[in-house]
Amino acid sequence: MTAGWIDTIKGTRFFIVGGAGFIGAHFVDYLLGEGEASQVTIYDNFSSGREWHVEKHASDPRFAIARGNVEDLPSLRQAMDGHQVVIHLASNPDIARAATEPDIDFYHGTALTNSVVEAMRTSSAKRILYASGSGVYGDFGQKEIPEDQGSLLPISTYGASKLAGEALIASYSFMFGLSGCAFRFGNVVGPRQTHGVGFDFARRLLDDPSQLRILGDGSQSKSYVHISDIIAAVLRAHTHTQSAYQVYNVATGDTITVKEIAELAVECVGLSPSAVRFDYTGGDRGWKGDVPVVRLDTQRIRGIGWSCKHSSRQALQKAILSMLPDMKAGRM
């Protein structure tokens, strides 16, 4: 058992980097609710995070907001000290942006992770739960990829940045007494999303119910995981992993195509399928660096007792329906 490893959630002090974002806000909800954490502090510069995501916790004495940039190491270290577990979610949220800004994933990904582990090295926080992604693998087509896949060849700077982050955490775990888990998620969906294909389709249909622009040819096929299943997976691994460092794939075990997501969005918005024209941009992927088909082997996370409660379609449907009121009210 490594130094700083904590096998419970109740009474633990969590520090969430990027905690005002979509995923982070749901961790805050769970940890201050059912999780019964003793302290939850979010560290965010609110460049993509939203105040309203966490505003309901403002009066909870266990909750705090530290405003700052992750690259500001002295500020990050000071805010982090006194906590036990770091949930690291901060990264570039716009994967396609790297096509015109090639260094964005280094400065808003790899460099941020370096700041996080360096702050941990000299503070009280010794365990990290890191949001990586399936982009670390590259393009394997229909092959179901296990975590110990020997050849990792990211085809995007986003995937490369996530892989570099994993390497940094692994090295700090073995060199400086930290412990950590990295999670290679499928596509995460749920209330309070700020981007994503289901989110984009629903918002476009509300703006123009007559047509829908679809990147690629619509055959792209991936797993979509509901945020509640993501939280359950991360915290299950946190309390059931005793090695210094471990990696987990987290996906539903099924997939859905972009065309099927478009049809689902039309249904959720309440439109007639015959009334909406789909305009495809063409090609087998949505943008340069996109992996059109992703299949993840999830035996490792299932082996410690996790299973998803939502299929990809159920997760997307629940997410889109939950977001519609805020979209109509202009909050997203």
Protein backbone atom coordinates (compact mmCIF):
# COMPACT_ATOMS: atom_id res chain seq x y z
CA MET A 1 0.00 0.00 0.00
CA THR A 2 1.48 3.35 -1.02
CA ALA A 3 1.81 6.47 1.07
CA GLY A 4 -1.26 8.67 0.95
CA TRP A 5 -3.60 5.92 -0.28
CA ILE A 6 -7.10 6.37 1.16
CA ASP A 7 -9.66 3.58 0.97
CA THR A 8 -12.74 5.64 1.74
CA ILE A 9 -14.59 8.75 0.57
CA LYS A 10 -16.42 9.80 3.72
CA GLY A 11 -14.41 12.35 5.66
CA THR A 12 -11.82 12.81 2.90
CA ARG A 13 -10.62 16.23 1.71
CA PHE A 14 -10.83 16.50 -2.09
CA PHE A 15 -9.24 19.10 -4.35
CA ILE A 16 -10.74 19.25 -7.85
CA VAL A 17 -8.64 20.92 -10.54
CA GLY A 18 -11.08 22.23 -13.15
CA GLY A 19 -13.91 21.67 -10.71
CA ALA A 20 -16.32 24.23 -12.19
CA GLY A 21 -16.55 22.33 -15.46
CA PHE A 22 -19.15 19.78 -16.49
CA ILE A 23 -17.48 16.70 -14.99
CA GLY A 24 -16.04 18.52 -12.00
CA ALA A 25 -19.38 19.98 -10.94
CA HIS A 26 -20.92 16.50 -10.82
CA PHE A 27 -18.07 15.29 -8.62
CA VAL A 28 -18.78 18.21 -6.29
CA ASP A 29 -22.47 17.25 -6.13
CA TYR A 30 -21.70 13.63 -5.29
CA LEU A 31 -18.86 14.22 -2.84
CA LEU A 32 -20.80 16.81 -0.82
CA GLY A 33 -23.94 14.66 -0.97
CA GLU A 34 -23.86 10.89 -0.88
CA GLY A 35 -20.07 10.79 -0.64
CA GLU A 36 -20.00 12.76 2.63
CA ALA A 37 -16.57 14.25 2.00
CA SER A 38 -15.30 16.54 4.74
CA GLN A 39 -13.99 19.16 2.31
CA VAL A 40 -14.29 19.82 -1.43
CA THR A 41 -12.30 22.68 -2.94
CA ILE A 42 -12.41 23.48 -6.63
CA TYR A 43 -9.52 25.22 -8.34
CA ASP A 44 -10.60 26.92 -11.56
CA ASN A 45 -9.99 30.04 -13.63
CA PHE A 46 -13.54 29.83 -15.06
CA SER A 47 -12.37 30.08 -18.64
CA SER A 48 -14.65 27.16 -19.55
CA GLY A 49 -16.12 26.29 -16.14
CA ARG A 50 -19.34 27.98 -15.08
CA GLU A 51 -20.31 29.68 -11.82
CA TRP A 52 -23.84 28.27 -12.00
CA HIS A 53 -22.53 24.71 -12.14
CA VAL A 54 -21.63 24.87 -8.44
CA GLU A 55 -23.65 27.80 -7.10
CA LYS A 56 -25.99 25.58 -5.06
CA HIS A 57 -23.08 24.65 -2.78
CA ALA A 58 -22.11 28.22 -1.94
CA SER A 59 -23.54 28.04 1.60
CA ASP A 60 -22.02 24.64 2.43
CA PRO A 61 -19.11 25.17 4.87
CA ARG A 62 -17.37 22.11 3.39
CA PHE A 63 -17.16 23.75 -0.05
CA ALA A 64 -14.64 26.31 -1.25
CA ILE A 65 -13.60 27.92 -4.53
CA ALA A 66 -9.98 28.82 -5.21
CA ARG A 67 -9.71 31.00 -8.30
CA GLY A 68 -6.49 30.74 -10.23
CA ASN A 69 -4.57 29.36 -13.17
CA VAL A 70 -3.14 25.86 -12.89
CA GLU A 71 0.16 27.04 -14.33
CA ASP A 72 0.54 29.42 -11.35
CA LEU A 73 2.37 26.83 -9.25
CA PRO A 74 2.71 28.82 -5.98
CA SER A 75 -1.02 29.62 -6.00
CA LEU A 76 -1.94 26.04 -6.88
CA ARG A 77 0.28 24.56 -4.18
CA GLN A 78 -1.05 26.91 -1.51
CA ALA A 79 -4.68 26.12 -2.38
CA MET A 80 -3.99 22.37 -2.59
CA ASP A 81 -2.20 22.02 0.74
CA GLY A 82 -4.45 20.58 3.44
CA HIS A 83 -6.24 18.23 1.03
CA GLN A 84 -5.69 14.50 0.54
CA VAL A 85 -6.98 13.57 -2.93
CA VAL A 86 -6.69 15.51 -6.19
CA ILE A 87 -9.17 14.96 -9.02
CA HIS A 88 -7.45 16.42 -12.09
CA LEU A 89 -9.86 17.42 -14.87
CA ALA A 90 -8.27 20.56 -16.32
CA SER A 91 -7.42 20.37 -20.03
CA ASN A 92 -8.24 21.94 -23.37
CA PRO A 93 -11.98 21.27 -23.87
CA ASP A 94 -11.95 21.84 -27.65
CA ILE A 95 -10.15 18.86 -29.21
CA ALA A 96 -10.49 20.10 -32.80
CA ARG A 97 -8.92 23.47 -31.95
CA ALA A 98 -5.42 22.00 -32.19
CA ALA A 99 -5.72 21.87 -35.98
CA THR A 100 -5.16 25.65 -36.02
CA GLU A 101 -3.39 26.00 -32.64
CA PRO A 102 -1.00 23.02 -32.50
CA ASP A 103 0.51 23.88 -29.11
CA ILE A 104 -2.76 24.31 -27.21
CA ASP A 105 -2.77 20.77 -25.84
CA PHE A 106 0.76 21.13 -24.53
CA TYR A 107 0.11 24.37 -22.66
CA HIS A 108 -3.49 23.55 -21.67
CA GLY A 109 -2.86 19.85 -21.03
CA THR A 110 0.62 18.45 -20.48
CA ALA A 111 2.00 21.56 -18.76
CA LEU A 112 -1.03 21.73 -16.45
CA THR A 113 -0.55 18.12 -15.38
CA ASN A 114 3.09 18.87 -14.63
CA SER A 115 1.98 21.74 -12.39
CA VAL A 116 -0.52 19.49 -10.60
CA VAL A 117 1.93 16.69 -9.75
CA GLU A 118 4.64 19.17 -8.78
CA ALA A 119 2.21 20.92 -6.42
CA MET A 120 1.29 17.53 -4.98
CA ARG A 121 4.95 16.64 -4.42
CA THR A 122 5.33 19.56 -2.00
CA SER A 123 1.85 19.58 -0.43
CA SER A 124 -0.31 17.24 1.67
CA ALA A 125 -2.18 15.80 -1.34
CA LYS A 126 -0.63 12.46 -2.30
CA ARG A 127 -3.30 10.70 -4.36
CA ILE A 128 -4.47 11.74 -7.85
CA LEU A 129 -7.42 10.65 -9.97
CA TYR A 130 -6.74 11.76 -13.54
CA ALA A 131 -9.16 12.18 -16.45
CA SER A 132 -7.28 10.78 -19.42
CA GLY A 133 -9.04 9.59 -22.58
CA SER A 134 -9.28 6.96 -25.28
CA GLY A 135 -7.29 9.24 -27.60
CA VAL A 136 -4.06 7.88 -26.06
CA TYR A 137 -4.46 4.70 -28.13
CA GLY A 138 -4.77 6.14 -31.61
CA ASP A 139 -6.79 4.50 -34.38
CA PHE A 140 -7.34 0.75 -33.92
CA GLY A 141 -10.60 0.48 -35.83
CA GLN A 142 -12.91 -2.27 -34.61
CA LYS A 143 -10.34 -3.81 -32.25
CA GLU A 144 -11.36 -3.79 -28.59
CA ILE A 145 -8.35 -2.22 -26.88
CA PRO A 146 -7.13 -3.31 -23.42
CA GLU A 147 -5.22 -0.99 -21.09
CA ASP A 148 -1.98 -2.92 -21.62
CA GLN A 149 -2.06 -2.44 -25.40
CA GLY A 150 1.62 -2.44 -26.28
CA SER A 151 1.62 0.24 -28.98
CA LEU A 152 0.12 3.63 -28.12
CA LEU A 153 0.11 5.92 -31.16
CA PRO A 154 -2.09 9.01 -30.58
CA ILE A 155 -3.20 10.69 -33.81
CA SER A 156 -4.11 13.99 -32.12
CA THR A 157 -2.19 16.39 -29.92
CA TYR A 158 -5.03 15.98 -27.40
CA GLY A 159 -4.37 12.25 -27.18
CA ALA A 160 -0.62 12.88 -26.99
CA SER A 161 -1.14 15.35 -24.15
CA LYS A 162 -3.27 12.89 -22.18
CA LEU A 163 -0.65 10.18 -22.65
CA ALA A 164 2.09 12.55 -21.49
CA GLY A 165 -0.02 13.35 -18.43
CA GLU A 166 -0.31 9.66 -17.61
CA ALA A 167 3.47 9.28 -17.89
CA LEU A 168 4.07 12.21 -15.56
CA ILE A 169 1.69 10.81 -12.93
CA ALA A 170 3.24 7.35 -13.16
CA SER A 171 6.75 8.73 -12.75
CA TYR A 172 5.81 10.93 -9.78
CA SER A 173 4.01 7.99 -8.18
CA PHE A 174 7.15 5.84 -8.27
CA MET A 175 9.72 8.59 -7.64
CA PHE A 176 8.01 10.81 -5.08
CA GLY A 177 5.57 8.63 -3.14
CA LEU A 178 2.34 9.67 -4.82
CA SER A 179 -0.34 7.20 -5.90
CA GLY A 180 -2.80 7.56 -8.72
CA CYS A 181 -5.32 6.20 -11.16
CA ALA A 182 -5.74 7.36 -14.76
CA PHE A 183 -9.06 6.86 -16.54
CA ARG A 184 -9.35 6.45 -20.28
CA PHE A 185 -12.97 7.48 -20.69
CA GLY A 186 -15.31 6.99 -23.57
CA ASN A 187 -17.32 10.13 -24.42
CA VAL A 188 -18.80 11.55 -21.22
CA VAL A 189 -22.35 12.95 -21.34
CA GLY A 190 -24.85 14.35 -18.87
CA PRO A 191 -26.48 17.50 -17.49
CA ARG A 192 -24.46 20.72 -17.65
CA GLN A 193 -22.37 19.66 -20.64
CA THR A 194 -20.61 22.53 -22.37
CA HIS A 195 -19.74 20.70 -25.61
CA GLY A 196 -20.12 17.33 -27.31
CA VAL A 197 -22.01 15.90 -30.26
CA GLY A 198 -25.37 15.40 -28.52
CA PHE A 199 -25.16 18.85 -26.95
CA ASP A 200 -24.24 20.44 -30.30
CA PHE A 201 -27.00 18.68 -32.22
CA ALA A 202 -29.71 19.67 -29.74
CA ARG A 203 -28.61 23.31 -29.68
CA ARG A 204 -28.42 23.52 -33.48
CA LEU A 205 -31.88 21.99 -33.84
CA LEU A 206 -33.33 24.53 -31.43
CA ASP A 207 -31.75 27.31 -33.51
CA ASP A 208 -32.80 25.83 -36.87
CA PRO A 209 -35.21 22.86 -36.77
CA SER A 210 -35.15 22.42 -40.55
CA GLN A 211 -31.59 21.14 -40.99
CA LEU A 212 -28.65 19.67 -39.11
CA ARG A 213 -25.00 19.85 -40.14
CA ILE A 214 -23.14 16.61 -39.35
CA LEU A 215 -19.35 16.37 -39.44
CA GLY A 216 -18.06 13.40 -41.45
CA ASP A 217 -20.36 10.80 -42.98
CA GLY A 218 -22.26 9.92 -39.79
CA SER A 219 -20.80 6.42 -39.49
CA GLN A 220 -18.37 7.32 -36.69
CA SER A 221 -19.05 4.91 -33.82
CA LYS A 222 -18.11 5.28 -30.14
CA SER A 223 -19.21 4.64 -26.56
CA TYR A 224 -21.01 7.37 -24.60
CA VAL A 225 -20.91 7.12 -20.81
CA HIS A 226 -23.32 8.90 -18.48
CA ILE A 227 -21.63 11.14 -15.93
CA SER A 228 -23.14 9.18 -13.03
CA ASP A 229 -21.44 6.03 -14.31
CA ILE A 230 -18.15 7.93 -14.67
CA ILE A 231 -18.25 9.11 -11.06
CA ALA A 232 -19.04 5.59 -9.86
CA ALA A 233 -16.09 4.18 -11.85
CA VAL A 234 -13.56 6.75 -10.65
CA LEU A 235 -14.49 6.46 -7.00
CA ARG A 236 -14.72 2.66 -7.18
CA ALA A 237 -11.16 2.56 -8.53
CA HIS A 238 -10.04 5.08 -5.91
CA THR A 239 -11.21 2.88 -3.05
CA HIS A 240 -10.26 -0.48 -4.58
CA THR A 241 -6.83 0.11 -6.15
CA GLN A 242 -3.86 -0.40 -3.86
CA SER A 243 -1.03 -0.27 -6.40
CA ALA A 244 1.01 2.91 -6.76
CA TYR A 245 -0.41 3.57 -10.21
CA GLN A 246 -3.12 1.99 -12.36
CA VAL A 247 -4.92 2.77 -15.61
CA TYR A 248 -8.58 1.98 -16.34
CA ASN A 249 -10.69 2.05 -19.49
CA VAL A 250 -14.23 3.27 -18.74
CA ALA A 251 -16.88 2.66 -21.40
CA THR A 252 -20.34 1.16 -21.74
CA GLY A 253 -19.52 -1.93 -23.78
CA ASP A 254 -21.80 -0.80 -26.60
CA THR A 255 -21.59 1.96 -29.21
CA ILE A 256 -23.75 4.35 -31.20
CA THR A 257 -23.10 6.12 -34.51
CA VAL A 258 -23.16 9.86 -35.10
CA LYS A 259 -26.12 9.42 -37.47
CA GLU A 260 -28.02 7.58 -34.71
CA ILE A 261 -27.18 10.39 -32.28
CA ALA A 262 -28.57 12.93 -34.78
CA GLU A 263 -31.79 10.93 -35.05
CA LEU A 264 -31.98 10.72 -31.26
CA ALA A 265 -31.48 14.48 -30.93
CA VAL A 266 -34.31 15.10 -33.38
CA GLU A 267 -36.53 12.84 -31.29
CA CYS A 268 -35.55 14.50 -28.00
CA VAL A 269 -36.19 18.00 -29.32
CA GLY A 270 -39.64 16.83 -30.43
CA LEU A 271 -39.28 17.20 -34.18
CA SER A 272 -40.54 14.97 -36.95
CA PRO A 273 -37.64 13.05 -38.55
CA SER A 274 -38.99 13.83 -42.02
CA ALA A 275 -38.85 17.58 -41.30
CA VAL A 276 -35.09 17.73 -40.63
CA ARG A 277 -32.51 17.55 -43.42
CA PHE A 278 -29.14 16.05 -42.49
CA ASP A 279 -26.20 17.77 -44.22
CA TYR A 280 -23.01 15.69 -44.03
CA THR A 281 -19.60 17.31 -44.51
CA GLY A 282 -18.20 13.99 -45.77
CA GLY A 283 -15.21 11.84 -44.99
CA ASP A 284 -14.84 9.08 -42.41
CA ARG A 285 -14.10 11.36 -39.44
CA GLY A 286 -15.32 14.65 -38.02
CA TRP A 287 -12.03 16.55 -37.96
CA LYS A 288 -8.30 16.05 -38.35
CA GLY A 289 -7.16 13.96 -35.39
CA ASP A 290 -10.61 12.46 -34.74
CA VAL A 291 -10.66 8.69 -34.17
CA PRO A 292 -13.83 7.57 -35.97
CA VAL A 293 -14.22 4.15 -34.33
CA VAL A 294 -13.35 3.47 -30.69
CA ARG A 295 -13.73 0.16 -28.86
CA LEU A 296 -12.47 -0.16 -25.28
CA ASP A 297 -11.95 -3.36 -23.29
CA THR A 298 -13.37 -2.67 -19.80
CA GLN A 299 -12.61 -5.95 -18.04
CA ARG A 300 -10.22 -4.28 -15.58
CA ILE A 301 -12.70 -1.76 -14.16
CA ARG A 302 -15.48 -4.35 -14.18
CA GLY A 303 -13.15 -6.71 -12.34
CA ILE A 304 -13.24 -4.45 -9.25
CA GLY A 305 -17.03 -4.34 -9.16
CA TRP A 306 -18.06 -1.49 -11.48
CA SER A 307 -20.73 -1.76 -14.15
CA CYS A 308 -22.51 0.97 -16.09
CA LYS A 309 -26.20 1.58 -15.50
CA HIS A 310 -26.82 3.28 -18.85
CA SER A 311 -26.23 2.14 -22.41
CA SER A 312 -24.75 4.66 -24.85
CA ARG A 313 -28.20 5.49 -26.22
CA GLN A 314 -29.74 5.78 -22.76
CA ALA A 315 -26.89 8.00 -21.59
CA LEU A 316 -27.25 10.35 -24.56
CA GLN A 317 -31.04 10.48 -24.35
CA LYS A 318 -30.95 11.27 -20.64
CA ALA A 319 -28.25 13.91 -21.20
CA ILE A 320 -30.00 15.69 -24.07
CA LEU A 321 -33.37 15.78 -22.31
CA SER A 322 -31.76 17.14 -19.14
CA MET A 323 -30.05 19.96 -21.04
CA LEU A 324 -33.01 21.18 -23.08
CA PRO A 325 -34.53 23.43 -20.35
CA ASP A 326 -31.20 25.26 -19.83
CA MET A 327 -30.68 25.58 -23.59
CA LYS A 328 -34.14 27.09 -24.02
CA ALA A 329 -33.48 29.43 -21.11
CA GLY A 330 -30.20 30.58 -22.68
CA ARG A 331 -27.94 29.20 -19.95
CA MET A 332 -25.95 27.10 -22.44
